[in-house]
Amino acid sequence: MASSEQKPVDKQVRAWESMINTQVVTSLALLLVYFYVGYYYVPITIPDDPNMIDRMIYTFRWIPLEILPTIIAILVVGTARGNNLRIAGDPRKPEQFTPPLIAVHVRFLANTVEQTLIHVPGLFAVASYVQPENLKLIPLIVILFVIGRIVYWIGYTRHAFQRALGFMLTIYPSIGMHGYALFCLFYYGATYHGFSSGD
């Protein structure tokens, strides 16, 4: 009896695993296409012969766009709670029932804050090391972050396992940035002042 009940469960688990694996592979393909098209075909203005201050200012000016998903999520959570005071639950009492959609928004907000805290330092670290012409990666990465967060949010509202694509579009660039920054830290050192266009 137990084994017959286990089969549907195993089948469902395999379906979920397949769904997640498909999204992981799809995210890798999308990342390759996105960065190839964005780098070679999208006109992006970057500073001419930037020094370190120019690099930091250029990166800093893209941060408000990066923060936009967090701001929107805060407004959505607040609005959802305000419009559903009877059923939203008391946030001071997590054991209370919270409607699924509001819970999804709250979790999206928490995850976005976590991802942003990982992502933003990576942007500045990368900007301090890359060659001047590669500064165009900064806006590409920031725009991808926003796209990834939107995809994550939409997927999460549909099904918990459909958020993997958006998550990967966010976390892979973060891993890449921090990996690159660590490589440069140990290869060039922490006092490295970046490439100049004459190098």
C-alpha atoms as a PDB file:
ATOM      1  CA  MET A   1       0.000   0.000   0.000  1.00  0.00           C
ATOM      2  CA  ALA A   2       2.780   2.402   0.944  1.00  0.00           C
ATOM      3  CA  SER A   3       4.697   1.672  -2.267  1.00  0.00           C
ATOM      4  CA  SER A   4       1.644   2.357  -4.453  1.00  0.00           C
ATOM      5  CA  GLU A   5       1.136   5.691  -2.700  1.00  0.00           C
ATOM      6  CA  GLN A   6       4.800   6.523  -3.125  1.00  0.00           C
ATOM      7  CA  LYS A   7       4.735   6.201  -6.939  1.00  0.00           C
ATOM      8  CA  PRO A   8       2.602   9.300  -7.608  1.00  0.00           C
ATOM      9  CA  VAL A   9       4.773  11.253  -5.191  1.00  0.00           C
ATOM     10  CA  ASP A  10       7.974  10.105  -6.905  1.00  0.00           C
ATOM     11  CA  LYS A  11       6.497  10.977 -10.290  1.00  0.00           C
ATOM     12  CA  GLN A  12       5.602  14.468  -9.073  1.00  0.00           C
ATOM     13  CA  VAL A  13       9.075  14.987  -7.617  1.00  0.00           C
ATOM     14  CA  ARG A  14      10.662  13.935 -10.925  1.00  0.00           C
ATOM     15  CA  ALA A  15       8.393  16.377 -12.765  1.00  0.00           C
ATOM     16  CA  TRP A  16       9.492  19.185 -10.446  1.00  0.00           C
ATOM     17  CA  GLU A  17      13.155  18.248 -10.844  1.00  0.00           C
ATOM     18  CA  SER A  18      12.729  18.235 -14.621  1.00  0.00           C
ATOM     19  CA  MET A  19      11.060  21.647 -14.468  1.00  0.00           C
ATOM     20  CA  ILE A  20      13.932  23.099 -12.442  1.00  0.00           C
ATOM     21  CA  ASN A  21      16.647  21.515 -14.590  1.00  0.00           C
ATOM     22  CA  THR A  22      15.004  22.863 -17.734  1.00  0.00           C
ATOM     23  CA  GLN A  23      14.979  26.354 -16.267  1.00  0.00           C
ATOM     24  CA  VAL A  24      18.642  26.090 -15.259  1.00  0.00           C
ATOM     25  CA  VAL A  25      19.700  25.096 -18.774  1.00  0.00           C
ATOM     26  CA  THR A  26      17.435  27.740 -20.310  1.00  0.00           C
ATOM     27  CA  SER A  27      18.932  30.434 -18.080  1.00  0.00           C
ATOM     28  CA  LEU A  28      22.463  29.564 -19.204  1.00  0.00           C
ATOM     29  CA  ALA A  29      21.448  29.766 -22.860  1.00  0.00           C
ATOM     30  CA  LEU A  30      19.644  33.064 -22.302  1.00  0.00           C
ATOM     31  CA  LEU A  31      22.662  34.518 -20.492  1.00  0.00           C
ATOM     32  CA  LEU A  32      24.975  33.681 -23.388  1.00  0.00           C
ATOM     33  CA  VAL A  33      22.625  35.220 -25.948  1.00  0.00           C
ATOM     34  CA  TYR A  34      21.901  38.259 -23.779  1.00  0.00           C
ATOM     35  CA  PHE A  35      25.531  39.181 -23.139  1.00  0.00           C
ATOM     36  CA  TYR A  36      26.612  38.485 -26.723  1.00  0.00           C
ATOM     37  CA  VAL A  37      23.866  40.638 -28.236  1.00  0.00           C
ATOM     38  CA  GLY A  38      24.119  43.291 -25.553  1.00  0.00           C
ATOM     39  CA  TYR A  39      27.893  43.615 -25.714  1.00  0.00           C
ATOM     40  CA  TYR A  40      28.312  43.648 -29.481  1.00  0.00           C
ATOM     41  CA  TYR A  41      25.085  45.158 -30.792  1.00  0.00           C
ATOM     42  CA  VAL A  42      23.604  47.467 -28.136  1.00  0.00           C
ATOM     43  CA  PRO A  43      25.043  51.001 -28.126  1.00  0.00           C
ATOM     44  CA  ILE A  44      26.096  51.733 -24.550  1.00  0.00           C
ATOM     45  CA  THR A  45      27.798  54.971 -23.563  1.00  0.00           C
ATOM     46  CA  ILE A  46      30.798  54.567 -21.279  1.00  0.00           C
ATOM     47  CA  PRO A  47      33.334  57.107 -19.928  1.00  0.00           C
ATOM     48  CA  ASP A  48      36.348  57.942 -22.086  1.00  0.00           C
ATOM     49  CA  ASP A  49      39.629  56.801 -20.537  1.00  0.00           C
ATOM     50  CA  PRO A  50      38.054  56.506 -17.064  1.00  0.00           C
ATOM     51  CA  ASN A  51      40.058  56.717 -13.879  1.00  0.00           C
ATOM     52  CA  MET A  52      38.932  54.902 -10.731  1.00  0.00           C
ATOM     53  CA  ILE A  53      36.593  57.694  -9.642  1.00  0.00           C
ATOM     54  CA  ASP A  54      34.956  57.740 -13.080  1.00  0.00           C
ATOM     55  CA  ARG A  55      34.404  53.993 -12.857  1.00  0.00           C
ATOM     56  CA  MET A  56      32.774  54.229  -9.432  1.00  0.00           C
ATOM     57  CA  ILE A  57      30.540  57.152 -10.422  1.00  0.00           C
ATOM     58  CA  TYR A  58      29.477  55.375 -13.615  1.00  0.00           C
ATOM     59  CA  THR A  59      28.565  52.255 -11.644  1.00  0.00           C
ATOM     60  CA  PHE A  60      26.857  54.198  -8.864  1.00  0.00           C
ATOM     61  CA  ARG A  61      24.561  55.913 -11.360  1.00  0.00           C
ATOM     62  CA  TRP A  62      23.147  52.537 -12.386  1.00  0.00           C
ATOM     63  CA  ILE A  63      22.333  51.491  -8.815  1.00  0.00           C
ATOM     64  CA  PRO A  64      18.883  53.174  -8.626  1.00  0.00           C
ATOM     65  CA  LEU A  65      17.726  50.892 -11.439  1.00  0.00           C
ATOM     66  CA  GLU A  66      19.095  47.926  -9.515  1.00  0.00           C
ATOM     67  CA  ILE A  67      17.167  48.989  -6.405  1.00  0.00           C
ATOM     68  CA  LEU A  68      13.909  49.499  -8.329  1.00  0.00           C
ATOM     69  CA  PRO A  69      12.608  45.893  -7.888  1.00  0.00           C
ATOM     70  CA  THR A  70      13.064  46.214  -4.107  1.00  0.00           C
ATOM     71  CA  ILE A  71      11.158  49.506  -3.992  1.00  0.00           C
ATOM     72  CA  ILE A  72       8.326  48.091  -6.099  1.00  0.00           C
ATOM     73  CA  ALA A  73       8.178  44.953  -3.940  1.00  0.00           C
ATOM     74  CA  ILE A  74       7.929  47.053  -0.766  1.00  0.00           C
ATOM     75  CA  LEU A  75       5.018  49.005  -2.259  1.00  0.00           C
ATOM     76  CA  VAL A  76       3.285  45.824  -3.441  1.00  0.00           C
ATOM     77  CA  VAL A  77       3.620  44.117  -0.051  1.00  0.00           C
ATOM     78  CA  GLY A  78       2.366  47.196   1.771  1.00  0.00           C
ATOM     79  CA  THR A  79      -0.549  47.624  -0.626  1.00  0.00           C
ATOM     80  CA  ALA A  80      -1.474  43.928  -0.475  1.00  0.00           C
ATOM     81  CA  ARG A  81      -1.483  43.959   3.315  1.00  0.00           C
ATOM     82  CA  GLY A  82      -3.399  47.221   3.432  1.00  0.00           C
ATOM     83  CA  ASN A  83      -6.067  45.941   1.040  1.00  0.00           C
ATOM     84  CA  ASN A  84      -6.470  42.670   2.932  1.00  0.00           C
ATOM     85  CA  LEU A  85      -6.283  43.671   6.587  1.00  0.00           C
ATOM     86  CA  ARG A  86      -8.763  41.024   7.697  1.00  0.00           C
ATOM     87  CA  ILE A  87      -6.884  38.125   6.150  1.00  0.00           C
ATOM     88  CA  ALA A  88      -3.327  39.404   5.794  1.00  0.00           C
ATOM     89  CA  GLY A  89      -2.313  38.277   9.266  1.00  0.00           C
ATOM     90  CA  ASP A  90      -0.295  40.129  11.850  1.00  0.00           C
ATOM     91  CA  PRO A  91       3.360  40.391  10.653  1.00  0.00           C
ATOM     92  CA  ARG A  92       4.425  40.368  14.316  1.00  0.00           C
ATOM     93  CA  LYS A  93       2.905  36.888  14.631  1.00  0.00           C
ATOM     94  CA  PRO A  94       4.421  34.711  11.900  1.00  0.00           C
ATOM     95  CA  GLU A  95       2.479  31.698  13.140  1.00  0.00           C
ATOM     96  CA  GLN A  96      -0.706  33.346  11.903  1.00  0.00           C
ATOM     97  CA  PHE A  97      -2.015  32.394   8.497  1.00  0.00           C
ATOM     98  CA  THR A  98      -0.855  34.639   5.657  1.00  0.00           C
ATOM     99  CA  PRO A  99      -2.627  34.364   2.274  1.00  0.00           C
ATOM    100  CA  PRO A 100      -0.404  32.587  -0.279  1.00  0.00           C
ATOM    101  CA  LEU A 101      -0.114  35.525  -2.694  1.00  0.00           C
ATOM    102  CA  ILE A 102       0.908  37.942   0.053  1.00  0.00           C
ATOM    103  CA  ALA A 103       3.390  35.358   1.345  1.00  0.00           C
ATOM    104  CA  VAL A 104       4.871  35.112  -2.160  1.00  0.00           C
ATOM    105  CA  HIS A 105       5.306  38.895  -2.326  1.00  0.00           C
ATOM    106  CA  VAL A 106       6.968  38.930   1.106  1.00  0.00           C
ATOM    107  CA  ARG A 107       9.348  36.136   0.117  1.00  0.00           C
ATOM    108  CA  PHE A 108      10.115  37.863  -3.177  1.00  0.00           C
ATOM    109  CA  LEU A 109      10.967  41.031  -1.280  1.00  0.00           C
ATOM    110  CA  ALA A 110      13.234  39.171   1.147  1.00  0.00           C
ATOM    111  CA  ASN A 111      14.998  37.298  -1.649  1.00  0.00           C
ATOM    112  CA  THR A 112      15.443  40.463  -3.704  1.00  0.00           C
ATOM    113  CA  VAL A 113      17.022  42.289  -0.771  1.00  0.00           C
ATOM    114  CA  GLU A 114      19.399  39.354  -0.254  1.00  0.00           C
ATOM    115  CA  GLN A 115      20.286  39.196  -3.947  1.00  0.00           C
ATOM    116  CA  THR A 116      20.839  42.954  -4.108  1.00  0.00           C
ATOM    117  CA  LEU A 117      23.221  42.846  -1.134  1.00  0.00           C
ATOM    118  CA  ILE A 118      25.266  40.229  -2.996  1.00  0.00           C
ATOM    119  CA  HIS A 119      24.982  41.875  -6.397  1.00  0.00           C
ATOM    120  CA  VAL A 120      25.846  45.533  -5.750  1.00  0.00           C
ATOM    121  CA  PRO A 121      29.335  45.002  -4.224  1.00  0.00           C
ATOM    122  CA  GLY A 122      30.160  42.749  -7.170  1.00  0.00           C
ATOM    123  CA  LEU A 123      29.337  45.558  -9.598  1.00  0.00           C
ATOM    124  CA  PHE A 124      31.769  47.946  -7.926  1.00  0.00           C
ATOM    125  CA  ALA A 125      34.483  45.302  -7.662  1.00  0.00           C
ATOM    126  CA  VAL A 126      34.179  44.426 -11.351  1.00  0.00           C
ATOM    127  CA  ALA A 127      34.130  48.095 -12.360  1.00  0.00           C
ATOM    128  CA  SER A 128      37.416  48.614 -10.521  1.00  0.00           C
ATOM    129  CA  TYR A 129      39.227  45.914 -12.520  1.00  0.00           C
ATOM    130  CA  VAL A 130      37.829  45.656 -16.071  1.00  0.00           C
ATOM    131  CA  GLN A 131      39.325  47.354 -19.096  1.00  0.00           C
ATOM    132  CA  PRO A 132      37.569  50.614 -20.032  1.00  0.00           C
ATOM    133  CA  GLU A 133      35.673  49.182 -22.997  1.00  0.00           C
ATOM    134  CA  ASN A 134      34.284  46.444 -20.751  1.00  0.00           C
ATOM    135  CA  LEU A 135      32.537  48.921 -18.466  1.00  0.00           C
ATOM    136  CA  LYS A 136      29.538  48.421 -20.747  1.00  0.00           C
ATOM    137  CA  LEU A 137      29.052  45.180 -18.821  1.00  0.00           C
ATOM    138  CA  ILE A 138      27.870  47.180 -15.804  1.00  0.00           C
ATOM    139  CA  PRO A 139      24.580  48.412 -17.320  1.00  0.00           C
ATOM    140  CA  LEU A 140      24.064  45.045 -19.014  1.00  0.00           C
ATOM    141  CA  ILE A 141      24.376  43.258 -15.670  1.00  0.00           C
ATOM    142  CA  VAL A 142      22.114  45.750 -13.891  1.00  0.00           C
ATOM    143  CA  ILE A 143      19.399  45.498 -16.565  1.00  0.00           C
ATOM    144  CA  LEU A 144      19.655  41.714 -16.435  1.00  0.00           C
ATOM    145  CA  PHE A 145      19.222  41.850 -12.658  1.00  0.00           C
ATOM    146  CA  VAL A 146      15.940  43.731 -13.071  1.00  0.00           C
ATOM    147  CA  ILE A 147      14.754  41.331 -15.784  1.00  0.00           C
ATOM    148  CA  GLY A 148      15.721  38.351 -13.637  1.00  0.00           C
ATOM    149  CA  ARG A 149      13.833  39.693 -10.639  1.00  0.00           C
ATOM    150  CA  ILE A 150      10.695  40.246 -12.754  1.00  0.00           C
ATOM    151  CA  VAL A 151      10.914  36.731 -14.187  1.00  0.00           C
ATOM    152  CA  TYR A 152      11.453  35.337 -10.678  1.00  0.00           C
ATOM    153  CA  TRP A 153       8.418  37.219  -9.352  1.00  0.00           C
ATOM    154  CA  ILE A 154       6.108  36.155 -12.174  1.00  0.00           C
ATOM    155  CA  GLY A 155       7.267  32.554 -11.932  1.00  0.00           C
ATOM    156  CA  TYR A 156       6.830  32.510  -8.157  1.00  0.00           C
ATOM    157  CA  THR A 157       3.232  33.745  -8.379  1.00  0.00           C
ATOM    158  CA  ARG A 158       2.466  30.864 -10.768  1.00  0.00           C
ATOM    159  CA  HIS A 159       4.282  28.026  -8.970  1.00  0.00           C
ATOM    160  CA  ALA A 160       7.103  27.816  -6.435  1.00  0.00           C
ATOM    161  CA  PHE A 161       9.283  25.772  -8.791  1.00  0.00           C
ATOM    162  CA  GLN A 162       8.806  28.192 -11.695  1.00  0.00           C
ATOM    163  CA  ARG A 163      10.945  30.809  -9.973  1.00  0.00           C
ATOM    164  CA  ALA A 164      14.188  28.971 -10.813  1.00  0.00           C
ATOM    165  CA  LEU A 165      14.702  30.698 -14.173  1.00  0.00           C
ATOM    166  CA  GLY A 166      14.558  34.170 -12.672  1.00  0.00           C
ATOM    167  CA  PHE A 167      16.715  33.096  -9.745  1.00  0.00           C
ATOM    168  CA  MET A 168      19.423  31.780 -12.061  1.00  0.00           C
ATOM    169  CA  LEU A 169      19.350  34.928 -14.212  1.00  0.00           C
ATOM    170  CA  THR A 170      20.183  36.809 -11.017  1.00  0.00           C
ATOM    171  CA  ILE A 171      22.578  34.535  -9.171  1.00  0.00           C
ATOM    172  CA  TYR A 172      24.790  33.403 -12.074  1.00  0.00           C
ATOM    173  CA  PRO A 173      25.973  36.956 -12.850  1.00  0.00           C
ATOM    174  CA  SER A 174      26.567  37.538  -9.131  1.00  0.00           C
ATOM    175  CA  ILE A 175      28.700  34.403  -8.914  1.00  0.00           C
ATOM    176  CA  GLY A 176      30.545  35.429 -12.072  1.00  0.00           C
ATOM    177  CA  MET A 177      31.250  38.935 -10.787  1.00  0.00           C
ATOM    178  CA  HIS A 178      32.522  37.811  -7.402  1.00  0.00           C
ATOM    179  CA  GLY A 179      34.551  35.017  -8.964  1.00  0.00           C
ATOM    180  CA  TYR A 180      36.169  37.498 -11.356  1.00  0.00           C
ATOM    181  CA  ALA A 181      36.773  39.983  -8.536  1.00  0.00           C
ATOM    182  CA  LEU A 182      38.430  37.330  -6.372  1.00  0.00           C
ATOM    183  CA  PHE A 183      40.642  36.253  -9.272  1.00  0.00           C
ATOM    184  CA  CYS A 184      41.715  39.858  -9.849  1.00  0.00           C
ATOM    185  CA  LEU A 185      42.274  40.400  -6.138  1.00  0.00           C
ATOM    186  CA  PHE A 186      44.760  37.535  -5.945  1.00  0.00           C
ATOM    187  CA  TYR A 187      46.282  38.088  -9.409  1.00  0.00           C
ATOM    188  CA  TYR A 188      46.546  41.911  -9.542  1.00  0.00           C
ATOM    189  CA  GLY A 189      46.228  42.749  -5.853  1.00  0.00           C
ATOM    190  CA  ALA A 190      43.988  45.094  -3.883  1.00  0.00           C
ATOM    191  CA  THR A 191      46.001  48.211  -4.826  1.00  0.00           C
ATOM    192  CA  TYR A 192      45.517  47.711  -8.577  1.00  0.00           C
ATOM    193  CA  HIS A 193      44.190  50.873 -10.245  1.00  0.00           C
ATOM    194  CA  GLY A 194      42.604  49.351 -13.289  1.00  0.00           C
ATOM    195  CA  PHE A 195      43.503  49.321 -16.947  1.00  0.00           C
ATOM    196  CA  SER A 196      43.976  52.475 -18.930  1.00  0.00           C
ATOM    197  CA  SER A 197      43.062  52.745 -22.582  1.00  0.00           C
ATOM    198  CA  GLY A 198      46.737  53.092 -23.406  1.00  0.00           C
ATOM    199  CA  ASP A 199      47.627  49.667 -21.948  1.00  0.00           C
END
